């Protein structure tokens, strides 16, 4: 159903993306760091009857080119801008899992809201480092152990069973198109040091935060803390779910997103 396409960015990097190419309102999905478009397959099927579904493989991930260039959130946001411009997307529902949500916040901070209708954040707080101003950080990450803490194998964040067929495809994909975390380490530490609360406090469009109740990475209460930042933000908790909401609980995610879109 999802057909692979390619974009060559202005810094010469090949970015893979998948597009149902329907003449409907677009959903643009952005995986987290180290993840791929394959894990959005089930959720893409659910949205296909009502929306055009596009999912990108960020640089250094999935089928996109491996490169030392652009290991920063602003470059990932620029990649989104180039894809949006290439496809002339308007009235976009942007959905980001993990760092994918940060890429969308960076996009908003750099390029504004003109092409977006709404944002959905899948299990990503605005700040990864726990300190006196924010208690819901990534695992045990603090300024005292940053960035060395991020060198460890941090796991995949999965809690619930993933559809066997999709998991098999994702495993085969990862063996064919290997992800090298150590070669993308600069992106990981740059992602971890960001604080997006200034962007969210000023957010001009509705945003839904979905947190996995059993996420190994984050305390799901972060979602309610985000609600307090801006009346445009609403939060829901996905039960029996870890960090990869789109893969672990695609139907629950779909229902919550559809309810949110009906409300706005």
C-alpha atoms as a PDB file:
ATOM      1  CA  UNK A   1       0.000   0.000   0.000  1.00  0.00           C
ATOM      2  CA  UNK A   2       2.813   2.426   0.844  1.00  0.00           C
ATOM      3  CA  UNK A   3       4.988   3.105  -2.166  1.00  0.00           C
ATOM      4  CA  UNK A   4       8.631   4.051  -1.619  1.00  0.00           C
ATOM      5  CA  UNK A   5       9.779   7.387  -3.053  1.00  0.00           C
ATOM      6  CA  UNK A   6      12.961   9.397  -2.697  1.00  0.00           C
ATOM      7  CA  UNK A   7      13.886  13.015  -2.059  1.00  0.00           C
ATOM      8  CA  UNK A   8      17.361  14.470  -2.600  1.00  0.00           C
ATOM      9  CA  UNK A   9      17.895  17.224  -0.036  1.00  0.00           C
ATOM     10  CA  UNK A  10      19.717  20.486  -0.654  1.00  0.00           C
ATOM     11  CA  UNK A  11      22.779  19.032   1.072  1.00  0.00           C
ATOM     12  CA  UNK A  12      22.744  16.063  -1.309  1.00  0.00           C
ATOM     13  CA  UNK A  13      21.295  13.347   0.934  1.00  0.00           C
ATOM     14  CA  UNK A  14      18.761  10.794  -0.319  1.00  0.00           C
ATOM     15  CA  UNK A  15      15.723  10.567   1.941  1.00  0.00           C
ATOM     16  CA  UNK A  16      13.241   7.716   1.517  1.00  0.00           C
ATOM     17  CA  UNK A  17       9.565   8.274   2.144  1.00  0.00           C
ATOM     18  CA  UNK A  18       6.352   6.368   1.566  1.00  0.00           C
ATOM     19  CA  UNK A  19       3.145   7.846   0.223  1.00  0.00           C
ATOM     20  CA  UNK A  20      -0.319   6.474  -0.461  1.00  0.00           C
ATOM     21  CA  UNK A  21      -0.711   9.388  -2.936  1.00  0.00           C
ATOM     22  CA  UNK A  22      -4.426   9.755  -2.244  1.00  0.00           C
ATOM     23  CA  UNK A  23      -6.036  13.106  -3.005  1.00  0.00           C
ATOM     24  CA  UNK A  24      -7.060  13.549   0.617  1.00  0.00           C
ATOM     25  CA  UNK A  25      -5.890  15.539   3.632  1.00  0.00           C
ATOM     26  CA  UNK A  26      -2.299  14.466   4.389  1.00  0.00           C
ATOM     27  CA  UNK A  27      -0.968  12.818   7.512  1.00  0.00           C
ATOM     28  CA  UNK A  28       2.834  13.145   7.711  1.00  0.00           C
ATOM     29  CA  UNK A  29       4.382  10.606  10.072  1.00  0.00           C
ATOM     30  CA  UNK A  30       7.905  10.874  11.486  1.00  0.00           C
ATOM     31  CA  UNK A  31       9.589   7.904  13.225  1.00  0.00           C
ATOM     32  CA  UNK A  32      11.865   8.289  16.224  1.00  0.00           C
ATOM     33  CA  UNK A  33      15.635   7.977  16.213  1.00  0.00           C
ATOM     34  CA  UNK A  34      16.776   4.566  14.971  1.00  0.00           C
ATOM     35  CA  UNK A  35      13.269   3.575  13.897  1.00  0.00           C
ATOM     36  CA  UNK A  36      11.768   3.155  10.429  1.00  0.00           C
ATOM     37  CA  UNK A  37       8.642   3.654   8.353  1.00  0.00           C
ATOM     38  CA  UNK A  38       7.883  -0.102   8.356  1.00  0.00           C
ATOM     39  CA  UNK A  39       6.572   0.102  11.926  1.00  0.00           C
ATOM     40  CA  UNK A  40       3.838   2.499  10.762  1.00  0.00           C
ATOM     41  CA  UNK A  41       2.368   0.005   8.316  1.00  0.00           C
ATOM     42  CA  UNK A  42      -0.585  -1.135  10.451  1.00  0.00           C
ATOM     43  CA  UNK A  43      -1.567   2.377  11.464  1.00  0.00           C
ATOM     44  CA  UNK A  44      -1.273   3.559   7.856  1.00  0.00           C
ATOM     45  CA  UNK A  45      -3.883   0.975   6.855  1.00  0.00           C
ATOM     46  CA  UNK A  46      -6.277   2.312   9.491  1.00  0.00           C
ATOM     47  CA  UNK A  47      -6.001   5.907   8.287  1.00  0.00           C
ATOM     48  CA  UNK A  48      -5.982   5.074   4.558  1.00  0.00           C
ATOM     49  CA  UNK A  49      -9.731   5.314   4.000  1.00  0.00           C
ATOM     50  CA  UNK A  50      -9.889   8.937   5.171  1.00  0.00           C
ATOM     51  CA  UNK A  51      -6.399  10.396   4.719  1.00  0.00           C
ATOM     52  CA  UNK A  52      -3.358  10.478   2.495  1.00  0.00           C
ATOM     53  CA  UNK A  53      -0.643   8.835   4.609  1.00  0.00           C
ATOM     54  CA  UNK A  54       3.020   9.775   4.193  1.00  0.00           C
ATOM     55  CA  UNK A  55       5.834   8.492   6.390  1.00  0.00           C
ATOM     56  CA  UNK A  56       9.474   9.500   6.139  1.00  0.00           C
ATOM     57  CA  UNK A  57      12.619   7.526   6.934  1.00  0.00           C
ATOM     58  CA  UNK A  58      14.784  10.212   8.593  1.00  0.00           C
ATOM     59  CA  UNK A  59      18.376  10.528   7.407  1.00  0.00           C
ATOM     60  CA  UNK A  60      20.565   7.670   8.669  1.00  0.00           C
ATOM     61  CA  UNK A  61      17.491   5.510   9.266  1.00  0.00           C
ATOM     62  CA  UNK A  62      15.494   2.906   7.370  1.00  0.00           C
ATOM     63  CA  UNK A  63      16.119   3.137   3.636  1.00  0.00           C
ATOM     64  CA  UNK A  64      17.446   6.686   3.745  1.00  0.00           C
ATOM     65  CA  UNK A  65      21.105   7.427   3.093  1.00  0.00           C
ATOM     66  CA  UNK A  66      23.719   6.982   5.808  1.00  0.00           C
ATOM     67  CA  UNK A  67      25.696  10.172   6.294  1.00  0.00           C
ATOM     68  CA  UNK A  68      27.801  12.069   8.819  1.00  0.00           C
ATOM     69  CA  UNK A  69      26.002  15.247   7.739  1.00  0.00           C
ATOM     70  CA  UNK A  70      23.107  16.898   9.506  1.00  0.00           C
ATOM     71  CA  UNK A  71      23.102  15.112  12.858  1.00  0.00           C
ATOM     72  CA  UNK A  72      20.955  17.804  14.432  1.00  0.00           C
ATOM     73  CA  UNK A  73      17.258  18.411  14.934  1.00  0.00           C
ATOM     74  CA  UNK A  74      17.221  21.563  12.801  1.00  0.00           C
ATOM     75  CA  UNK A  75      18.480  19.597   9.771  1.00  0.00           C
ATOM     76  CA  UNK A  76      15.792  16.957  10.319  1.00  0.00           C
ATOM     77  CA  UNK A  77      13.241  19.784  10.388  1.00  0.00           C
ATOM     78  CA  UNK A  78      14.699  21.141   7.137  1.00  0.00           C
ATOM     79  CA  UNK A  79      14.306  17.684   5.582  1.00  0.00           C
ATOM     80  CA  UNK A  80      10.613  17.786   6.524  1.00  0.00           C
ATOM     81  CA  UNK A  81      10.306  21.245   4.981  1.00  0.00           C
ATOM     82  CA  UNK A  82      11.870  20.042   1.742  1.00  0.00           C
ATOM     83  CA  UNK A  83       9.502  17.070   1.562  1.00  0.00           C
ATOM     84  CA  UNK A  84       6.463  19.209   2.378  1.00  0.00           C
ATOM     85  CA  UNK A  85       7.487  21.695  -0.319  1.00  0.00           C
ATOM     86  CA  UNK A  86       8.202  18.969  -2.879  1.00  0.00           C
ATOM     87  CA  UNK A  87       4.758  17.409  -2.358  1.00  0.00           C
ATOM     88  CA  UNK A  88       3.055  20.791  -1.847  1.00  0.00           C
ATOM     89  CA  UNK A  89       1.332  19.486   1.270  1.00  0.00           C
ATOM     90  CA  UNK A  90      -1.240  21.668   3.025  1.00  0.00           C
ATOM     91  CA  UNK A  91      -3.449  21.296   6.091  1.00  0.00           C
ATOM     92  CA  UNK A  92      -1.090  18.601   7.389  1.00  0.00           C
ATOM     93  CA  UNK A  93      -1.704  16.432  10.417  1.00  0.00           C
ATOM     94  CA  UNK A  94       1.857  15.855  11.628  1.00  0.00           C
ATOM     95  CA  UNK A  95       2.455  12.776  13.795  1.00  0.00           C
ATOM     96  CA  UNK A  96       5.828  12.171  15.437  1.00  0.00           C
ATOM     97  CA  UNK A  97       6.980   9.314  17.628  1.00  0.00           C
ATOM     98  CA  UNK A  98       9.819  10.023  20.052  1.00  0.00           C
ATOM     99  CA  UNK A  99      12.421  12.230  18.327  1.00  0.00           C
ATOM    100  CA  UNK A 100      10.000  12.459  15.406  1.00  0.00           C
ATOM    101  CA  UNK A 101       7.850  14.741  17.568  1.00  0.00           C
ATOM    102  CA  UNK A 102      10.892  16.900  18.312  1.00  0.00           C
ATOM    103  CA  UNK A 103      11.532  17.147  14.571  1.00  0.00           C
ATOM    104  CA  UNK A 104       8.000  18.507  14.149  1.00  0.00           C
ATOM    105  CA  UNK A 105       8.452  21.046  16.977  1.00  0.00           C
ATOM    106  CA  UNK A 106      11.686  22.156  15.332  1.00  0.00           C
ATOM    107  CA  UNK A 107       9.853  22.469  12.022  1.00  0.00           C
ATOM    108  CA  UNK A 108       7.231  24.704  13.671  1.00  0.00           C
ATOM    109  CA  UNK A 109       9.891  26.862  15.330  1.00  0.00           C
ATOM    110  CA  UNK A 110      11.712  27.367  12.010  1.00  0.00           C
ATOM    111  CA  UNK A 111       8.971  27.360   9.384  1.00  0.00           C
ATOM    112  CA  UNK A 112       5.738  28.197  11.201  1.00  0.00           C
ATOM    113  CA  UNK A 113       2.212  26.806  11.072  1.00  0.00           C
ATOM    114  CA  UNK A 114       0.918  27.728   7.624  1.00  0.00           C
ATOM    115  CA  UNK A 115       0.932  24.177   6.292  1.00  0.00           C
ATOM    116  CA  UNK A 116      -0.146  22.404   9.510  1.00  0.00           C
ATOM    117  CA  UNK A 117      -3.573  21.751  10.978  1.00  0.00           C
ATOM    118  CA  UNK A 118      -2.573  19.729  14.049  1.00  0.00           C
ATOM    119  CA  UNK A 119       0.247  17.819  15.745  1.00  0.00           C
ATOM    120  CA  UNK A 120       0.187  14.418  17.431  1.00  0.00           C
ATOM    121  CA  UNK A 121       3.046  13.569  19.780  1.00  0.00           C
ATOM    122  CA  UNK A 122       3.632   9.878  20.465  1.00  0.00           C
ATOM    123  CA  UNK A 123       5.488   9.392  23.776  1.00  0.00           C
ATOM    124  CA  UNK A 124       7.898  12.322  23.680  1.00  0.00           C
ATOM    125  CA  UNK A 125       8.180  14.941  26.444  1.00  0.00           C
ATOM    126  CA  UNK A 126       9.502  18.395  25.534  1.00  0.00           C
ATOM    127  CA  UNK A 127      12.609  17.902  27.655  1.00  0.00           C
ATOM    128  CA  UNK A 128      14.772  14.787  27.990  1.00  0.00           C
ATOM    129  CA  UNK A 129      17.066  15.819  30.845  1.00  0.00           C
ATOM    130  CA  UNK A 130      15.559  15.784  34.307  1.00  0.00           C
ATOM    131  CA  UNK A 131      16.365  18.803  36.475  1.00  0.00           C
ATOM    132  CA  UNK A 132      14.720  21.156  38.989  1.00  0.00           C
ATOM    133  CA  UNK A 133      12.452  22.592  36.287  1.00  0.00           C
ATOM    134  CA  UNK A 134      11.264  19.290  34.735  1.00  0.00           C
ATOM    135  CA  UNK A 135      10.867  15.951  36.502  1.00  0.00           C
ATOM    136  CA  UNK A 136       9.816  13.747  33.576  1.00  0.00           C
ATOM    137  CA  UNK A 137      13.082  13.044  31.789  1.00  0.00           C
ATOM    138  CA  UNK A 138      14.390  10.123  29.761  1.00  0.00           C
ATOM    139  CA  UNK A 139      15.014   7.230  32.152  1.00  0.00           C
ATOM    140  CA  UNK A 140      17.773   8.361  34.566  1.00  0.00           C
ATOM    141  CA  UNK A 141      19.273  11.065  32.354  1.00  0.00           C
ATOM    142  CA  UNK A 142      20.447  14.175  34.233  1.00  0.00           C
ATOM    143  CA  UNK A 143      22.929  16.966  33.572  1.00  0.00           C
ATOM    144  CA  UNK A 144      25.350  15.067  35.807  1.00  0.00           C
ATOM    145  CA  UNK A 145      25.517  11.986  33.540  1.00  0.00           C
ATOM    146  CA  UNK A 146      24.830  13.703  30.176  1.00  0.00           C
ATOM    147  CA  UNK A 147      26.030  12.859  27.549  1.00  0.00           C
ATOM    148  CA  UNK A 148      27.858   9.681  28.583  1.00  0.00           C
ATOM    149  CA  UNK A 149      24.610   8.042  29.718  1.00  0.00           C
ATOM    150  CA  UNK A 150      23.461   8.089  26.092  1.00  0.00           C
ATOM    151  CA  UNK A 151      26.312   5.869  24.919  1.00  0.00           C
ATOM    152  CA  UNK A 152      24.660   2.826  26.496  1.00  0.00           C
ATOM    153  CA  UNK A 153      22.358   0.403  24.693  1.00  0.00           C
ATOM    154  CA  UNK A 154      19.082   1.992  25.743  1.00  0.00           C
ATOM    155  CA  UNK A 155      16.802  -0.731  24.371  1.00  0.00           C
ATOM    156  CA  UNK A 156      13.958  -0.442  21.863  1.00  0.00           C
ATOM    157  CA  UNK A 157      11.284   0.814  24.238  1.00  0.00           C
ATOM    158  CA  UNK A 158       8.780  -1.900  23.286  1.00  0.00           C
ATOM    159  CA  UNK A 159       6.402  -3.240  25.950  1.00  0.00           C
ATOM    160  CA  UNK A 160       3.451  -4.840  24.132  1.00  0.00           C
ATOM    161  CA  UNK A 161       3.417  -7.492  21.422  1.00  0.00           C
ATOM    162  CA  UNK A 162       3.793  -6.161  17.893  1.00  0.00           C
ATOM    163  CA  UNK A 163       1.926  -7.680  14.953  1.00  0.00           C
ATOM    164  CA  UNK A 164       3.976 -10.719  13.881  1.00  0.00           C
ATOM    165  CA  UNK A 165       3.987  -9.940  10.171  1.00  0.00           C
ATOM    166  CA  UNK A 166       4.972  -6.308  10.660  1.00  0.00           C
ATOM    167  CA  UNK A 167       7.657  -7.238  13.191  1.00  0.00           C
ATOM    168  CA  UNK A 168       9.076  -9.805  10.769  1.00  0.00           C
ATOM    169  CA  UNK A 169       9.190  -7.179   8.010  1.00  0.00           C
ATOM    170  CA  UNK A 170      10.849  -4.671  10.320  1.00  0.00           C
ATOM    171  CA  UNK A 171      13.485  -7.202  11.372  1.00  0.00           C
ATOM    172  CA  UNK A 172      14.281  -8.096   7.758  1.00  0.00           C
ATOM    173  CA  UNK A 173      14.433  -4.389   6.896  1.00  0.00           C
ATOM    174  CA  UNK A 174      16.824  -3.665   9.764  1.00  0.00           C
ATOM    175  CA  UNK A 175      19.139  -6.475   8.651  1.00  0.00           C
ATOM    176  CA  UNK A 176      19.194  -5.218   5.068  1.00  0.00           C
ATOM    177  CA  UNK A 177      19.411  -1.512   5.954  1.00  0.00           C
ATOM    178  CA  UNK A 178      21.360  -1.494   9.194  1.00  0.00           C
ATOM    179  CA  UNK A 179      21.161   1.371  11.647  1.00  0.00           C
ATOM    180  CA  UNK A 180      24.434   2.317  13.333  1.00  0.00           C
ATOM    181  CA  UNK A 181      23.642   4.078  16.598  1.00  0.00           C
ATOM    182  CA  UNK A 182      27.271   4.985  17.226  1.00  0.00           C
ATOM    183  CA  UNK A 183      27.457   6.760  13.854  1.00  0.00           C
ATOM    184  CA  UNK A 184      24.345   8.771  14.704  1.00  0.00           C
ATOM    185  CA  UNK A 185      25.446   9.533  18.281  1.00  0.00           C
ATOM    186  CA  UNK A 186      25.754  13.276  17.694  1.00  0.00           C
ATOM    187  CA  UNK A 187      22.072  13.347  16.759  1.00  0.00           C
ATOM    188  CA  UNK A 188      21.133  11.473  19.928  1.00  0.00           C
ATOM    189  CA  UNK A 189      22.978  13.866  22.236  1.00  0.00           C
ATOM    190  CA  UNK A 190      21.680  16.919  20.369  1.00  0.00           C
ATOM    191  CA  UNK A 191      18.123  15.598  20.672  1.00  0.00           C
ATOM    192  CA  UNK A 192      18.578  14.925  24.377  1.00  0.00           C
ATOM    193  CA  UNK A 193      19.796  18.409  25.264  1.00  0.00           C
ATOM    194  CA  UNK A 194      16.838  20.256  23.740  1.00  0.00           C
ATOM    195  CA  UNK A 195      14.018  21.915  25.665  1.00  0.00           C
ATOM    196  CA  UNK A 196      10.947  22.535  23.497  1.00  0.00           C
ATOM    197  CA  UNK A 197       8.759  24.100  26.170  1.00  0.00           C
ATOM    198  CA  UNK A 198       9.197  27.590  24.724  1.00  0.00           C
ATOM    199  CA  UNK A 199       7.761  26.343  21.407  1.00  0.00           C
ATOM    200  CA  UNK A 200       4.874  24.531  23.082  1.00  0.00           C
ATOM    201  CA  UNK A 201       3.953  27.427  25.354  1.00  0.00           C
ATOM    202  CA  UNK A 202       3.489  29.504  22.201  1.00  0.00           C
ATOM    203  CA  UNK A 203       1.845  26.738  20.135  1.00  0.00           C
ATOM    204  CA  UNK A 204      -0.844  28.082  17.815  1.00  0.00           C
ATOM    205  CA  UNK A 205      -2.450  24.830  16.636  1.00  0.00           C
ATOM    206  CA  UNK A 206      -4.003  21.892  18.535  1.00  0.00           C
ATOM    207  CA  UNK A 207      -1.692  19.111  19.718  1.00  0.00           C
ATOM    208  CA  UNK A 208      -2.569  15.699  21.108  1.00  0.00           C
ATOM    209  CA  UNK A 209      -0.030  13.960  23.340  1.00  0.00           C
ATOM    210  CA  UNK A 210      -0.330  10.169  23.543  1.00  0.00           C
ATOM    211  CA  UNK A 211       1.850   8.544  26.210  1.00  0.00           C
ATOM    212  CA  UNK A 212       2.475   4.821  26.594  1.00  0.00           C
ATOM    213  CA  UNK A 213       1.432   3.801  30.098  1.00  0.00           C
ATOM    214  CA  UNK A 214       4.205   1.188  30.240  1.00  0.00           C
ATOM    215  CA  UNK A 215       6.897   3.088  28.347  1.00  0.00           C
ATOM    216  CA  UNK A 216      10.360   1.979  29.525  1.00  0.00           C
ATOM    217  CA  UNK A 217      11.677   5.427  28.584  1.00  0.00           C
ATOM    218  CA  UNK A 218       9.273   7.947  30.120  1.00  0.00           C
ATOM    219  CA  UNK A 219       6.896   8.326  33.056  1.00  0.00           C
ATOM    220  CA  UNK A 220       3.540   8.765  31.314  1.00  0.00           C
ATOM    221  CA  UNK A 221       2.596  11.598  33.689  1.00  0.00           C
ATOM    222  CA  UNK A 222       4.706  13.871  31.467  1.00  0.00           C
ATOM    223  CA  UNK A 223       1.681  14.089  29.152  1.00  0.00           C
ATOM    224  CA  UNK A 224      -0.425  15.782  31.835  1.00  0.00           C
ATOM    225  CA  UNK A 225       2.427  18.167  32.608  1.00  0.00           C
ATOM    226  CA  UNK A 226       2.435  19.116  28.920  1.00  0.00           C
ATOM    227  CA  UNK A 227      -1.292  19.886  29.048  1.00  0.00           C
ATOM    228  CA  UNK A 228      -0.523  22.594  31.600  1.00  0.00           C
ATOM    229  CA  UNK A 229       1.830  24.369  29.189  1.00  0.00           C
ATOM    230  CA  UNK A 230      -0.863  25.450  26.745  1.00  0.00           C
ATOM    231  CA  UNK A 231      -4.655  25.080  26.406  1.00  0.00           C
ATOM    232  CA  UNK A 232      -4.070  23.898  22.821  1.00  0.00           C
ATOM    233  CA  UNK A 233      -2.486  20.694  24.200  1.00  0.00           C
ATOM    234  CA  UNK A 234      -4.525  17.666  25.290  1.00  0.00           C
ATOM    235  CA  UNK A 235      -3.253  14.349  26.627  1.00  0.00           C
ATOM    236  CA  UNK A 236      -4.355  10.738  26.603  1.00  0.00           C
ATOM    237  CA  UNK A 237      -2.706   7.599  27.975  1.00  0.00           C
ATOM    238  CA  UNK A 238      -2.487   4.414  25.891  1.00  0.00           C
ATOM    239  CA  UNK A 239      -2.809   1.343  28.122  1.00  0.00           C
ATOM    240  CA  UNK A 240      -0.708  -1.803  27.734  1.00  0.00           C
ATOM    241  CA  UNK A 241       1.762   0.135  25.606  1.00  0.00           C
ATOM    242  CA  UNK A 242       5.416   1.075  25.601  1.00  0.00           C
ATOM    243  CA  UNK A 243       7.252   3.732  23.614  1.00  0.00           C
ATOM    244  CA  UNK A 244       6.357   2.662  20.037  1.00  0.00           C
ATOM    245  CA  UNK A 245       2.659   3.474  20.205  1.00  0.00           C
ATOM    246  CA  UNK A 246       2.114   3.298  16.432  1.00  0.00           C
ATOM    247  CA  UNK A 247       3.439  -0.287  16.351  1.00  0.00           C
ATOM    248  CA  UNK A 248       2.290  -1.642  19.723  1.00  0.00           C
ATOM    249  CA  UNK A 249      -1.271  -0.276  19.843  1.00  0.00           C
ATOM    250  CA  UNK A 250      -2.149   0.973  16.344  1.00  0.00           C
ATOM    251  CA  UNK A 251      -5.904   0.624  16.833  1.00  0.00           C
ATOM    252  CA  UNK A 252      -5.943   2.486  20.152  1.00  0.00           C
ATOM    253  CA  UNK A 253      -3.765   5.186  18.627  1.00  0.00           C
ATOM    254  CA  UNK A 254      -6.052   5.461  15.608  1.00  0.00           C
ATOM    255  CA  UNK A 255      -9.165   5.826  17.765  1.00  0.00           C
ATOM    256  CA  UNK A 256      -7.615   8.518  19.975  1.00  0.00           C
ATOM    257  CA  UNK A 257      -6.327  10.462  16.992  1.00  0.00           C
ATOM    258  CA  UNK A 258      -9.671  10.269  15.188  1.00  0.00           C
ATOM    259  CA  UNK A 259     -11.523  11.453  18.312  1.00  0.00           C
ATOM    260  CA  UNK A 260      -9.060  14.335  18.620  1.00  0.00           C
ATOM    261  CA  UNK A 261      -9.457  15.331  14.967  1.00  0.00           C
ATOM    262  CA  UNK A 262     -13.260  15.289  15.289  1.00  0.00           C
ATOM    263  CA  UNK A 263     -13.012  17.640  18.267  1.00  0.00           C
ATOM    264  CA  UNK A 264     -10.885  20.182  16.449  1.00  0.00           C
END
